[in-house]
Amino acid sequence: MSSDPKTSLLTSKTFSELGLAKQNVISVPPQSTIETALKTMASHNILTLPITSRAFPNKFAYILSTLDILLYVTSRQKPGSQLDLSVTVETAMTMDAEMESYRVFERDYRDTIESTLIHFAHGLHRALITDALKEKPAIVITQTDILSYIHKNVCFKQKDKSVLNLPCFSKTLAELGLVTNHVKSMKDSETALEGYTRMAAAKILALPVVDAAGLVVATLSASDLRGLSRETLAYVNLNVLDFIKKMDLKSTKEATSSLTPADTLLDAINLLVERDVHRLWILDSVLRPIGVVSQSDVIAAIMGVSVPRIH
């Protein structure tokens, strides 16, 4: 982990000191259907959904994620068949103890953010923040919240001027080792289900969609599945571009949110936040994908931790 004293000015802050304006936790009971869960996630524009405990309704048993939805859809949906969205959330869950959903990472408002950032760097996507004194409502903090805080308070308002000049901010994506030349992708001639199946096998949350020349034309994301209903479920068997069009997805925003190996980590932070996306494709001189920058990658660089990359 980074020993830079400037980094500690960020990591020593408590969750209360971040002053994040967050809505109260949106949750559903375990007997809710998959369709209800999807509609709830879509209507509130959230990527995770806490599921309450049957025995203790005021506590969360696990947190449903878009990866859980992805794994459920790809394991049950087959060409020519109709997936049952009326099953309950607790029935549909993977029951894989290694999945993030079953590790409710909980911290108190008065804890510093350091340990949470380390977990975010290693791929954790969200943390439940509670108040032992019961003075504040529980909230969910995500990787997006952390990057938005850095973007707003560190990079631009310069409230923490010494943090602004973190050495890692000026490092290029190539220097950070994010150019791999081995980016998993899918062809624009494949179906959305084929892409989702590939994502599920690799346990990744997005794929660039490339044309015959290998150029990125769209992005297929697990978060797109939040819009599924009994009426739209059959769309996953369509060509991926038709699926994106039918679902009225804004995947072109991620497709056009790209960087070059010479761009810096600060460039990546700015673009991730300003375009409101979760990843950026790194393109070569002829616009073919040769790497990806995720929110976890950015936090890992800030924290100075080395993590294995699976994309």
C-alpha atoms as a PDB file:
ATOM      1  CA  MET A   1       0.000   0.000   0.000  1.00  0.00           C
ATOM      2  CA  SER A   2       1.118   3.559  -0.671  1.00  0.00           C
ATOM      3  CA  SER A   3       3.114   5.164   2.146  1.00  0.00           C
ATOM      4  CA  ASP A   4       2.896   8.619   0.597  1.00  0.00           C
ATOM      5  CA  PRO A   5       1.866  11.055   3.377  1.00  0.00           C
ATOM      6  CA  LYS A   6      -0.267  12.902   0.841  1.00  0.00           C
ATOM      7  CA  THR A   7      -2.372   9.786   0.344  1.00  0.00           C
ATOM      8  CA  SER A   8      -3.008   9.607   4.087  1.00  0.00           C
ATOM      9  CA  LEU A   9      -4.722  12.993   3.916  1.00  0.00           C
ATOM     10  CA  LEU A  10      -7.395  11.202   1.921  1.00  0.00           C
ATOM     11  CA  THR A  11      -7.409   7.797   3.620  1.00  0.00           C
ATOM     12  CA  SER A  12      -7.541   9.224   7.153  1.00  0.00           C
ATOM     13  CA  LYS A  13     -10.925  10.811   6.511  1.00  0.00           C
ATOM     14  CA  THR A  14     -13.977   9.243   8.097  1.00  0.00           C
ATOM     15  CA  PHE A  15     -17.144   8.482   6.175  1.00  0.00           C
ATOM     16  CA  SER A  16     -18.828  11.344   8.023  1.00  0.00           C
ATOM     17  CA  GLU A  17     -16.095  13.721   6.868  1.00  0.00           C
ATOM     18  CA  LEU A  18     -16.699  12.783   3.245  1.00  0.00           C
ATOM     19  CA  GLY A  19     -20.061  14.522   3.538  1.00  0.00           C
ATOM     20  CA  LEU A  20     -21.620  12.455   0.771  1.00  0.00           C
ATOM     21  CA  ALA A  21     -25.232  13.228  -0.046  1.00  0.00           C
ATOM     22  CA  LYS A  22     -26.735   9.759  -0.324  1.00  0.00           C
ATOM     23  CA  GLN A  23     -30.314   8.528  -0.403  1.00  0.00           C
ATOM     24  CA  ASN A  24     -31.408   6.128   2.305  1.00  0.00           C
ATOM     25  CA  VAL A  25     -30.809   2.470   1.537  1.00  0.00           C
ATOM     26  CA  ILE A  26     -33.319   0.985  -0.900  1.00  0.00           C
ATOM     27  CA  SER A  27     -33.998  -2.664  -0.043  1.00  0.00           C
ATOM     28  CA  VAL A  28     -36.481  -5.469  -0.683  1.00  0.00           C
ATOM     29  CA  PRO A  29     -37.476  -8.569   1.322  1.00  0.00           C
ATOM     30  CA  PRO A  30     -36.145 -11.998   0.239  1.00  0.00           C
ATOM     31  CA  GLN A  31     -39.579 -13.118  -0.975  1.00  0.00           C
ATOM     32  CA  SER A  32     -39.552 -10.410  -3.660  1.00  0.00           C
ATOM     33  CA  THR A  33     -39.409 -11.691  -7.219  1.00  0.00           C
ATOM     34  CA  ILE A  34     -36.473 -11.231  -9.560  1.00  0.00           C
ATOM     35  CA  GLU A  35     -38.679  -9.002 -11.710  1.00  0.00           C
ATOM     36  CA  THR A  36     -39.459  -6.771  -8.719  1.00  0.00           C
ATOM     37  CA  ALA A  37     -35.770  -6.563  -7.866  1.00  0.00           C
ATOM     38  CA  LEU A  38     -34.893  -5.597 -11.446  1.00  0.00           C
ATOM     39  CA  LYS A  39     -37.598  -2.924 -11.557  1.00  0.00           C
ATOM     40  CA  THR A  40     -36.442  -1.527  -8.216  1.00  0.00           C
ATOM     41  CA  MET A  41     -32.826  -1.330  -9.366  1.00  0.00           C
ATOM     42  CA  ALA A  42     -33.826   0.285 -12.653  1.00  0.00           C
ATOM     43  CA  SER A  43     -36.247   2.822 -11.166  1.00  0.00           C
ATOM     44  CA  HIS A  44     -33.732   3.967  -8.554  1.00  0.00           C
ATOM     45  CA  ASN A  45     -30.764   3.711 -10.948  1.00  0.00           C
ATOM     46  CA  ILE A  46     -28.790   1.521  -8.550  1.00  0.00           C
ATOM     47  CA  LEU A  47     -26.442  -1.374  -9.272  1.00  0.00           C
ATOM     48  CA  THR A  48     -26.835  -3.142  -5.926  1.00  0.00           C
ATOM     49  CA  LEU A  49     -29.919  -3.963  -3.890  1.00  0.00           C
ATOM     50  CA  PRO A  50     -29.773  -5.009  -0.213  1.00  0.00           C
ATOM     51  CA  ILE A  51     -32.009  -7.952   0.658  1.00  0.00           C
ATOM     52  CA  THR A  52     -33.405  -7.983   4.182  1.00  0.00           C
ATOM     53  CA  SER A  53     -33.214 -10.969   6.499  1.00  0.00           C
ATOM     54  CA  ARG A  54     -36.316 -13.093   7.039  1.00  0.00           C
ATOM     55  CA  ALA A  55     -35.495 -13.516  10.721  1.00  0.00           C
ATOM     56  CA  PHE A  56     -34.399  -9.911  11.300  1.00  0.00           C
ATOM     57  CA  PRO A  57     -36.193  -7.608   8.816  1.00  0.00           C
ATOM     58  CA  ASN A  58     -34.146  -4.593   9.950  1.00  0.00           C
ATOM     59  CA  LYS A  59     -30.893  -6.286   8.968  1.00  0.00           C
ATOM     60  CA  PHE A  60     -29.499  -7.128   5.544  1.00  0.00           C
ATOM     61  CA  ALA A  61     -28.794 -10.773   4.749  1.00  0.00           C
ATOM     62  CA  TYR A  62     -26.963 -10.048   1.502  1.00  0.00           C
ATOM     63  CA  ILE A  63     -26.751  -7.496  -1.273  1.00  0.00           C
ATOM     64  CA  LEU A  64     -27.943  -8.399  -4.757  1.00  0.00           C
ATOM     65  CA  SER A  65     -25.646  -7.121  -7.510  1.00  0.00           C
ATOM     66  CA  THR A  66     -25.728  -6.891 -11.280  1.00  0.00           C
ATOM     67  CA  LEU A  67     -23.258  -9.796 -11.340  1.00  0.00           C
ATOM     68  CA  ASP A  68     -25.819 -11.952  -9.519  1.00  0.00           C
ATOM     69  CA  ILE A  69     -28.418 -10.983 -12.111  1.00  0.00           C
ATOM     70  CA  LEU A  70     -25.953 -11.763 -14.891  1.00  0.00           C
ATOM     71  CA  LEU A  71     -25.170 -15.219 -13.483  1.00  0.00           C
ATOM     72  CA  TYR A  72     -28.856 -15.998 -12.976  1.00  0.00           C
ATOM     73  CA  VAL A  73     -29.863 -14.967 -16.488  1.00  0.00           C
ATOM     74  CA  THR A  74     -27.019 -16.803 -18.237  1.00  0.00           C
ATOM     75  CA  SER A  75     -27.471 -19.986 -16.214  1.00  0.00           C
ATOM     76  CA  ARG A  76     -31.225 -20.189 -16.838  1.00  0.00           C
ATOM     77  CA  GLN A  77     -31.885 -18.392 -20.130  1.00  0.00           C
ATOM     78  CA  LYS A  78     -31.391 -20.550 -23.222  1.00  0.00           C
ATOM     79  CA  PRO A  79     -32.151 -19.747 -26.871  1.00  0.00           C
ATOM     80  CA  GLY A  80     -35.819 -20.440 -27.495  1.00  0.00           C
ATOM     81  CA  SER A  81     -36.720 -20.639 -23.810  1.00  0.00           C
ATOM     82  CA  GLN A  82     -38.368 -18.163 -21.474  1.00  0.00           C
ATOM     83  CA  LEU A  83     -36.674 -17.306 -18.188  1.00  0.00           C
ATOM     84  CA  ASP A  84     -38.948 -17.240 -15.152  1.00  0.00           C
ATOM     85  CA  LEU A  85     -38.675 -13.829 -13.486  1.00  0.00           C
ATOM     86  CA  SER A  86     -41.408 -14.656 -10.980  1.00  0.00           C
ATOM     87  CA  VAL A  87     -39.106 -16.727  -8.769  1.00  0.00           C
ATOM     88  CA  THR A  88     -38.079 -15.139  -5.488  1.00  0.00           C
ATOM     89  CA  VAL A  89     -34.740 -13.458  -4.986  1.00  0.00           C
ATOM     90  CA  GLU A  90     -33.686 -15.939  -2.301  1.00  0.00           C
ATOM     91  CA  THR A  91     -34.432 -18.848  -4.652  1.00  0.00           C
ATOM     92  CA  ALA A  92     -32.508 -17.325  -7.526  1.00  0.00           C
ATOM     93  CA  MET A  93     -29.367 -16.364  -5.631  1.00  0.00           C
ATOM     94  CA  THR A  94     -26.243 -18.294  -6.535  1.00  0.00           C
ATOM     95  CA  MET A  95     -25.495 -19.379  -2.955  1.00  0.00           C
ATOM     96  CA  ASP A  96     -21.805 -19.028  -3.778  1.00  0.00           C
ATOM     97  CA  ALA A  97     -20.084 -18.030  -0.553  1.00  0.00           C
ATOM     98  CA  GLU A  98     -17.259 -16.461  -2.545  1.00  0.00           C
ATOM     99  CA  MET A  99     -19.614 -13.997  -4.211  1.00  0.00           C
ATOM    100  CA  GLU A 100     -19.521 -10.399  -3.014  1.00  0.00           C
ATOM    101  CA  SER A 101     -23.262 -10.545  -2.344  1.00  0.00           C
ATOM    102  CA  TYR A 102     -22.739 -12.793   0.673  1.00  0.00           C
ATOM    103  CA  ARG A 103     -20.036 -10.636   2.224  1.00  0.00           C
ATOM    104  CA  VAL A 104     -21.848  -7.559   3.507  1.00  0.00           C
ATOM    105  CA  PHE A 105     -18.886  -5.241   4.073  1.00  0.00           C
ATOM    106  CA  GLU A 106     -20.043  -2.951   6.864  1.00  0.00           C
ATOM    107  CA  ARG A 107     -18.354   0.097   8.360  1.00  0.00           C
ATOM    108  CA  ASP A 108     -19.404   2.850  10.761  1.00  0.00           C
ATOM    109  CA  TYR A 109     -19.658   6.532   9.873  1.00  0.00           C
ATOM    110  CA  ARG A 110     -16.807   7.209  12.306  1.00  0.00           C
ATOM    111  CA  ASP A 111     -14.408   4.725  10.699  1.00  0.00           C
ATOM    112  CA  THR A 112     -11.743   6.010   8.343  1.00  0.00           C
ATOM    113  CA  ILE A 113     -12.099   5.103   4.688  1.00  0.00           C
ATOM    114  CA  GLU A 114      -8.647   3.484   4.366  1.00  0.00           C
ATOM    115  CA  SER A 115      -9.620  -0.178   4.783  1.00  0.00           C
ATOM    116  CA  THR A 116     -12.624   0.312   2.509  1.00  0.00           C
ATOM    117  CA  LEU A 117     -10.427   1.798  -0.226  1.00  0.00           C
ATOM    118  CA  ILE A 118      -8.108  -1.204   0.003  1.00  0.00           C
ATOM    119  CA  HIS A 119     -11.066  -3.543  -0.448  1.00  0.00           C
ATOM    120  CA  PHE A 120     -12.347  -1.400  -3.329  1.00  0.00           C
ATOM    121  CA  ALA A 121      -8.910  -1.690  -4.946  1.00  0.00           C
ATOM    122  CA  HIS A 122      -9.253  -5.477  -4.750  1.00  0.00           C
ATOM    123  CA  GLY A 123     -12.642  -5.437  -6.476  1.00  0.00           C
ATOM    124  CA  LEU A 124     -15.230  -4.820  -3.759  1.00  0.00           C
ATOM    125  CA  HIS A 125     -17.868  -2.557  -5.285  1.00  0.00           C
ATOM    126  CA  ARG A 126     -19.818  -1.231  -2.313  1.00  0.00           C
ATOM    127  CA  ALA A 127     -19.837  -0.930   1.478  1.00  0.00           C
ATOM    128  CA  LEU A 128     -22.725  -0.579   3.897  1.00  0.00           C
ATOM    129  CA  ILE A 129     -22.203   2.387   6.225  1.00  0.00           C
ATOM    130  CA  THR A 130     -24.143   2.293   9.495  1.00  0.00           C
ATOM    131  CA  ASP A 131     -24.249   4.348  12.669  1.00  0.00           C
ATOM    132  CA  ALA A 132     -23.655   2.601  15.995  1.00  0.00           C
ATOM    133  CA  LEU A 133     -25.251   5.586  17.737  1.00  0.00           C
ATOM    134  CA  LYS A 134     -28.359   5.371  15.516  1.00  0.00           C
ATOM    135  CA  GLU A 135     -28.111   9.078  14.677  1.00  0.00           C
ATOM    136  CA  LYS A 136     -27.795   8.647  10.913  1.00  0.00           C
ATOM    137  CA  PRO A 137     -29.545   6.329   8.443  1.00  0.00           C
ATOM    138  CA  ALA A 138     -27.632   3.499   6.802  1.00  0.00           C
ATOM    139  CA  ILE A 139     -26.239   4.251   3.345  1.00  0.00           C
ATOM    140  CA  VAL A 140     -24.363   2.323   0.680  1.00  0.00           C
ATOM    141  CA  ILE A 141     -21.022   3.788  -0.432  1.00  0.00           C
ATOM    142  CA  THR A 142     -19.721   2.732  -3.850  1.00  0.00           C
ATOM    143  CA  GLN A 143     -16.531   3.080  -5.865  1.00  0.00           C
ATOM    144  CA  THR A 144     -18.324   5.781  -7.850  1.00  0.00           C
ATOM    145  CA  ASP A 145     -18.866   7.813  -4.673  1.00  0.00           C
ATOM    146  CA  ILE A 146     -15.155   7.723  -3.853  1.00  0.00           C
ATOM    147  CA  LEU A 147     -14.069   8.814  -7.324  1.00  0.00           C
ATOM    148  CA  SER A 148     -16.704  11.553  -7.360  1.00  0.00           C
ATOM    149  CA  TYR A 149     -15.360  12.830  -4.036  1.00  0.00           C
ATOM    150  CA  ILE A 150     -11.799  12.891  -5.372  1.00  0.00           C
ATOM    151  CA  HIS A 151     -12.933  14.581  -8.572  1.00  0.00           C
ATOM    152  CA  LYS A 152     -14.978  17.241  -6.785  1.00  0.00           C
ATOM    153  CA  ASN A 153     -12.949  17.988  -3.685  1.00  0.00           C
ATOM    154  CA  VAL A 154      -9.401  17.030  -4.538  1.00  0.00           C
ATOM    155  CA  CYS A 155      -8.913  17.572  -8.233  1.00  0.00           C
ATOM    156  CA  PHE A 156     -10.905  20.747  -8.731  1.00  0.00           C
ATOM    157  CA  LYS A 157     -11.904  22.592  -5.571  1.00  0.00           C
ATOM    158  CA  GLN A 158      -8.432  21.908  -4.186  1.00  0.00           C
ATOM    159  CA  LYS A 159      -9.581  21.808  -0.584  1.00  0.00           C
ATOM    160  CA  ASP A 160      -6.735  19.345  -0.021  1.00  0.00           C
ATOM    161  CA  LYS A 161      -4.046  20.976  -2.114  1.00  0.00           C
ATOM    162  CA  SER A 162      -1.320  18.560  -1.050  1.00  0.00           C
ATOM    163  CA  VAL A 163      -3.434  15.626  -2.204  1.00  0.00           C
ATOM    164  CA  LEU A 164      -3.989  17.240  -5.585  1.00  0.00           C
ATOM    165  CA  ASN A 165      -0.433  16.489  -6.661  1.00  0.00           C
ATOM    166  CA  LEU A 166      -0.358  12.788  -5.854  1.00  0.00           C
ATOM    167  CA  PRO A 167       2.432  11.309  -8.018  1.00  0.00           C
ATOM    168  CA  CYS A 168       0.089   8.636  -9.379  1.00  0.00           C
ATOM    169  CA  PHE A 169      -2.204  11.260 -10.916  1.00  0.00           C
ATOM    170  CA  SER A 170       0.401  12.144 -13.541  1.00  0.00           C
ATOM    171  CA  LYS A 171       1.316   8.552 -14.393  1.00  0.00           C
ATOM    172  CA  THR A 172       0.204   7.332 -17.791  1.00  0.00           C
ATOM    173  CA  LEU A 173      -2.035   4.320 -18.221  1.00  0.00           C
ATOM    174  CA  ALA A 174       0.867   2.528 -19.890  1.00  0.00           C
ATOM    175  CA  GLU A 175       3.097   3.229 -16.884  1.00  0.00           C
ATOM    176  CA  LEU A 176       0.401   1.858 -14.584  1.00  0.00           C
ATOM    177  CA  GLY A 177       0.375  -1.431 -16.521  1.00  0.00           C
ATOM    178  CA  LEU A 178      -3.189  -1.092 -17.760  1.00  0.00           C
ATOM    179  CA  VAL A 179      -2.336  -1.753 -21.417  1.00  0.00           C
ATOM    180  CA  THR A 180      -2.576  -5.529 -21.783  1.00  0.00           C
ATOM    181  CA  ASN A 181      -3.395  -6.125 -25.471  1.00  0.00           C
ATOM    182  CA  HIS A 182      -5.668  -8.946 -24.267  1.00  0.00           C
ATOM    183  CA  VAL A 183      -9.070  -7.355 -23.741  1.00  0.00           C
ATOM    184  CA  LYS A 184     -12.022  -9.737 -23.775  1.00  0.00           C
ATOM    185  CA  SER A 185     -14.557  -8.538 -26.321  1.00  0.00           C
ATOM    186  CA  MET A 186     -17.499  -9.672 -28.419  1.00  0.00           C
ATOM    187  CA  LYS A 187     -18.340  -9.258 -32.100  1.00  0.00           C
ATOM    188  CA  ASP A 188     -21.200  -7.086 -33.275  1.00  0.00           C
ATOM    189  CA  SER A 189     -22.538 -10.159 -35.113  1.00  0.00           C
ATOM    190  CA  GLU A 190     -23.111 -12.085 -31.846  1.00  0.00           C
ATOM    191  CA  THR A 191     -26.217 -12.131 -29.676  1.00  0.00           C
ATOM    192  CA  ALA A 192     -26.485 -10.312 -26.374  1.00  0.00           C
ATOM    193  CA  LEU A 193     -26.864 -13.678 -24.630  1.00  0.00           C
ATOM    194  CA  GLU A 194     -23.561 -14.865 -26.105  1.00  0.00           C
ATOM    195  CA  GLY A 195     -21.889 -11.770 -24.724  1.00  0.00           C
ATOM    196  CA  TYR A 196     -23.468 -12.143 -21.312  1.00  0.00           C
ATOM    197  CA  THR A 197     -22.487 -15.812 -21.185  1.00  0.00           C
ATOM    198  CA  ARG A 198     -18.876 -14.833 -21.905  1.00  0.00           C
ATOM    199  CA  MET A 199     -19.026 -12.197 -19.180  1.00  0.00           C
ATOM    200  CA  ALA A 200     -20.470 -14.654 -16.665  1.00  0.00           C
ATOM    201  CA  ALA A 201     -17.743 -17.216 -17.373  1.00  0.00           C
ATOM    202  CA  ALA A 202     -15.055 -14.607 -16.729  1.00  0.00           C
ATOM    203  CA  LYS A 203     -17.026 -12.882 -13.925  1.00  0.00           C
ATOM    204  CA  ILE A 204     -16.600  -9.485 -15.535  1.00  0.00           C
ATOM    205  CA  LEU A 205     -19.278  -6.836 -15.848  1.00  0.00           C
ATOM    206  CA  ALA A 206     -18.822  -5.458 -19.371  1.00  0.00           C
ATOM    207  CA  LEU A 207     -17.489  -6.235 -22.836  1.00  0.00           C
ATOM    208  CA  PRO A 208     -16.592  -3.920 -25.696  1.00  0.00           C
ATOM    209  CA  VAL A 209     -18.570  -4.735 -28.834  1.00  0.00           C
ATOM    210  CA  VAL A 210     -16.273  -4.621 -31.866  1.00  0.00           C
ATOM    211  CA  ASP A 211     -17.016  -4.542 -35.584  1.00  0.00           C
ATOM    212  CA  ALA A 212     -15.333  -6.546 -38.356  1.00  0.00           C
ATOM    213  CA  ALA A 213     -12.342  -4.203 -38.230  1.00  0.00           C
ATOM    214  CA  GLY A 214     -11.967  -4.671 -34.478  1.00  0.00           C
ATOM    215  CA  LEU A 215     -13.150  -1.157 -33.620  1.00  0.00           C
ATOM    216  CA  VAL A 216     -15.309  -0.541 -30.547  1.00  0.00           C
ATOM    217  CA  VAL A 217     -18.878   0.339 -31.544  1.00  0.00           C
ATOM    218  CA  ALA A 218     -20.742  -0.249 -28.269  1.00  0.00           C
ATOM    219  CA  THR A 219     -20.452  -1.665 -24.776  1.00  0.00           C
ATOM    220  CA  LEU A 220     -22.540  -4.512 -23.358  1.00  0.00           C
ATOM    221  CA  SER A 221     -22.829  -4.206 -19.589  1.00  0.00           C
ATOM    222  CA  ALA A 222     -24.334  -6.351 -16.852  1.00  0.00           C
ATOM    223  CA  SER A 223     -26.084  -3.222 -15.601  1.00  0.00           C
ATOM    224  CA  ASP A 224     -28.168  -3.269 -18.801  1.00  0.00           C
ATOM    225  CA  LEU A 225     -30.013  -6.297 -17.414  1.00  0.00           C
ATOM    226  CA  ARG A 226     -31.791  -4.100 -14.877  1.00  0.00           C
ATOM    227  CA  GLY A 227     -34.250  -3.161 -17.606  1.00  0.00           C
ATOM    228  CA  LEU A 228     -35.410  -6.730 -18.220  1.00  0.00           C
ATOM    229  CA  SER A 229     -39.037  -7.664 -17.706  1.00  0.00           C
ATOM    230  CA  ARG A 230     -41.285 -10.471 -18.886  1.00  0.00           C
ATOM    231  CA  GLU A 231     -42.025  -8.341 -21.942  1.00  0.00           C
ATOM    232  CA  THR A 232     -38.386  -7.629 -22.828  1.00  0.00           C
ATOM    233  CA  LEU A 233     -36.650 -10.812 -21.668  1.00  0.00           C
ATOM    234  CA  ALA A 234     -36.600 -12.353 -25.154  1.00  0.00           C
ATOM    235  CA  TYR A 235     -34.445  -9.450 -26.340  1.00  0.00           C
ATOM    236  CA  VAL A 236     -31.303 -11.109 -24.937  1.00  0.00           C
ATOM    237  CA  ASN A 237     -31.510 -13.586 -27.833  1.00  0.00           C
ATOM    238  CA  LEU A 238     -31.240 -10.742 -30.347  1.00  0.00           C
ATOM    239  CA  ASN A 239     -28.110  -9.480 -32.039  1.00  0.00           C
ATOM    240  CA  VAL A 240     -26.235  -7.412 -29.457  1.00  0.00           C
ATOM    241  CA  LEU A 241     -26.700  -4.116 -31.309  1.00  0.00           C
ATOM    242  CA  ASP A 242     -30.407  -4.830 -31.762  1.00  0.00           C
ATOM    243  CA  PHE A 243     -30.631  -5.667 -28.052  1.00  0.00           C
ATOM    244  CA  ILE A 244     -29.011  -2.359 -27.154  1.00  0.00           C
ATOM    245  CA  LYS A 245     -31.383  -0.493 -29.466  1.00  0.00           C
ATOM    246  CA  LYS A 246     -34.483  -2.336 -28.209  1.00  0.00           C
ATOM    247  CA  MET A 247     -33.547  -1.726 -24.582  1.00  0.00           C
ATOM    248  CA  ASP A 248     -32.865   1.942 -25.360  1.00  0.00           C
ATOM    249  CA  LEU A 249     -29.470   1.693 -23.718  1.00  0.00           C
ATOM    250  CA  LYS A 250     -26.875   4.427 -23.632  1.00  0.00           C
ATOM    251  CA  SER A 251     -23.996   2.057 -24.359  1.00  0.00           C
ATOM    252  CA  THR A 252     -22.552   4.429 -26.924  1.00  0.00           C
ATOM    253  CA  LYS A 253     -21.555   6.641 -24.004  1.00  0.00           C
ATOM    254  CA  GLU A 254     -19.193   3.946 -22.738  1.00  0.00           C
ATOM    255  CA  ALA A 255     -18.151   3.032 -26.260  1.00  0.00           C
ATOM    256  CA  THR A 256     -17.034   6.592 -26.906  1.00  0.00           C
ATOM    257  CA  SER A 257     -15.562   7.049 -23.422  1.00  0.00           C
ATOM    258  CA  SER A 258     -12.047   5.963 -24.228  1.00  0.00           C
ATOM    259  CA  LEU A 259      -8.435   6.844 -23.563  1.00  0.00           C
ATOM    260  CA  THR A 260      -5.010   6.234 -25.066  1.00  0.00           C
ATOM    261  CA  PRO A 261      -2.000   4.635 -23.339  1.00  0.00           C
ATOM    262  CA  ALA A 262      -0.466   8.121 -23.016  1.00  0.00           C
ATOM    263  CA  ASP A 263      -3.390   9.534 -21.030  1.00  0.00           C
ATOM    264  CA  THR A 264      -2.912   9.919 -17.282  1.00  0.00           C
ATOM    265  CA  LEU A 265      -4.680   8.535 -14.240  1.00  0.00           C
ATOM    266  CA  LEU A 266      -6.123  11.992 -13.609  1.00  0.00           C
ATOM    267  CA  ASP A 267      -7.510  11.977 -17.158  1.00  0.00           C
ATOM    268  CA  ALA A 268      -9.190   8.666 -16.331  1.00  0.00           C
ATOM    269  CA  ILE A 269     -10.700   9.989 -13.085  1.00  0.00           C
ATOM    270  CA  ASN A 270     -12.080  13.045 -14.837  1.00  0.00           C
ATOM    271  CA  LEU A 271     -13.625  11.045 -17.678  1.00  0.00           C
ATOM    272  CA  LEU A 272     -15.087   8.323 -15.444  1.00  0.00           C
ATOM    273  CA  VAL A 273     -16.859  10.909 -13.314  1.00  0.00           C
ATOM    274  CA  GLU A 274     -17.851  13.382 -16.016  1.00  0.00           C
ATOM    275  CA  ARG A 275     -19.252  10.697 -18.322  1.00  0.00           C
ATOM    276  CA  ASP A 276     -20.779   8.761 -15.396  1.00  0.00           C
ATOM    277  CA  VAL A 277     -19.359   5.424 -16.545  1.00  0.00           C
ATOM    278  CA  HIS A 278     -17.720   2.569 -14.651  1.00  0.00           C
ATOM    279  CA  ARG A 279     -14.923   1.726 -17.063  1.00  0.00           C
ATOM    280  CA  LEU A 280     -12.965   3.193 -19.957  1.00  0.00           C
ATOM    281  CA  TRP A 281     -11.542   1.308 -22.895  1.00  0.00           C
ATOM    282  CA  ILE A 282      -7.926   2.053 -23.781  1.00  0.00           C
ATOM    283  CA  LEU A 283      -7.596   2.220 -27.569  1.00  0.00           C
ATOM    284  CA  ASP A 284      -4.564   1.970 -29.832  1.00  0.00           C
ATOM    285  CA  SER A 285      -3.784   4.339 -32.698  1.00  0.00           C
ATOM    286  CA  VAL A 286      -6.340   2.640 -34.954  1.00  0.00           C
ATOM    287  CA  LEU A 287      -9.010   2.624 -32.220  1.00  0.00           C
ATOM    288  CA  ARG A 288      -8.854  -1.053 -31.261  1.00  0.00           C
ATOM    289  CA  PRO A 289      -9.192  -1.971 -27.544  1.00  0.00           C
ATOM    290  CA  ILE A 290      -5.869  -2.800 -25.885  1.00  0.00           C
ATOM    291  CA  GLY A 291      -6.766  -2.236 -22.252  1.00  0.00           C
ATOM    292  CA  VAL A 292      -9.414  -1.167 -19.780  1.00  0.00           C
ATOM    293  CA  VAL A 293      -9.459   1.191 -16.813  1.00  0.00           C
ATOM    294  CA  SER A 294     -11.994   0.301 -14.144  1.00  0.00           C
ATOM    295  CA  GLN A 295     -12.875   2.210 -11.008  1.00  0.00           C
ATOM    296  CA  SER A 296     -11.052  -0.489  -9.025  1.00  0.00           C
ATOM    297  CA  ASP A 297      -7.920   0.120 -11.119  1.00  0.00           C
ATOM    298  CA  VAL A 298      -7.988   3.822 -10.290  1.00  0.00           C
ATOM    299  CA  ILE A 299      -8.415   3.216  -6.558  1.00  0.00           C
ATOM    300  CA  ALA A 300      -5.659   0.574  -6.622  1.00  0.00           C
ATOM    301  CA  ALA A 301      -3.281   3.093  -8.210  1.00  0.00           C
ATOM    302  CA  ILE A 302      -4.146   5.704  -5.592  1.00  0.00           C
ATOM    303  CA  MET A 303      -3.654   3.206  -2.764  1.00  0.00           C
ATOM    304  CA  GLY A 304      -0.467   1.800  -4.283  1.00  0.00           C
ATOM    305  CA  VAL A 305      -1.665  -1.803  -4.221  1.00  0.00           C
ATOM    306  CA  SER A 306      -1.059  -4.407  -6.904  1.00  0.00           C
ATOM    307  CA  VAL A 307      -4.010  -6.598  -7.821  1.00  0.00           C
ATOM    308  CA  PRO A 308      -4.483  -9.325 -10.463  1.00  0.00           C
ATOM    309  CA  ARG A 309      -6.432  -8.222 -13.515  1.00  0.00           C
ATOM    310  CA  ILE A 310      -9.086 -10.511 -15.017  1.00  0.00           C
ATOM    311  CA  HIS A 311     -10.367  -8.531 -18.025  1.00  0.00           C
END
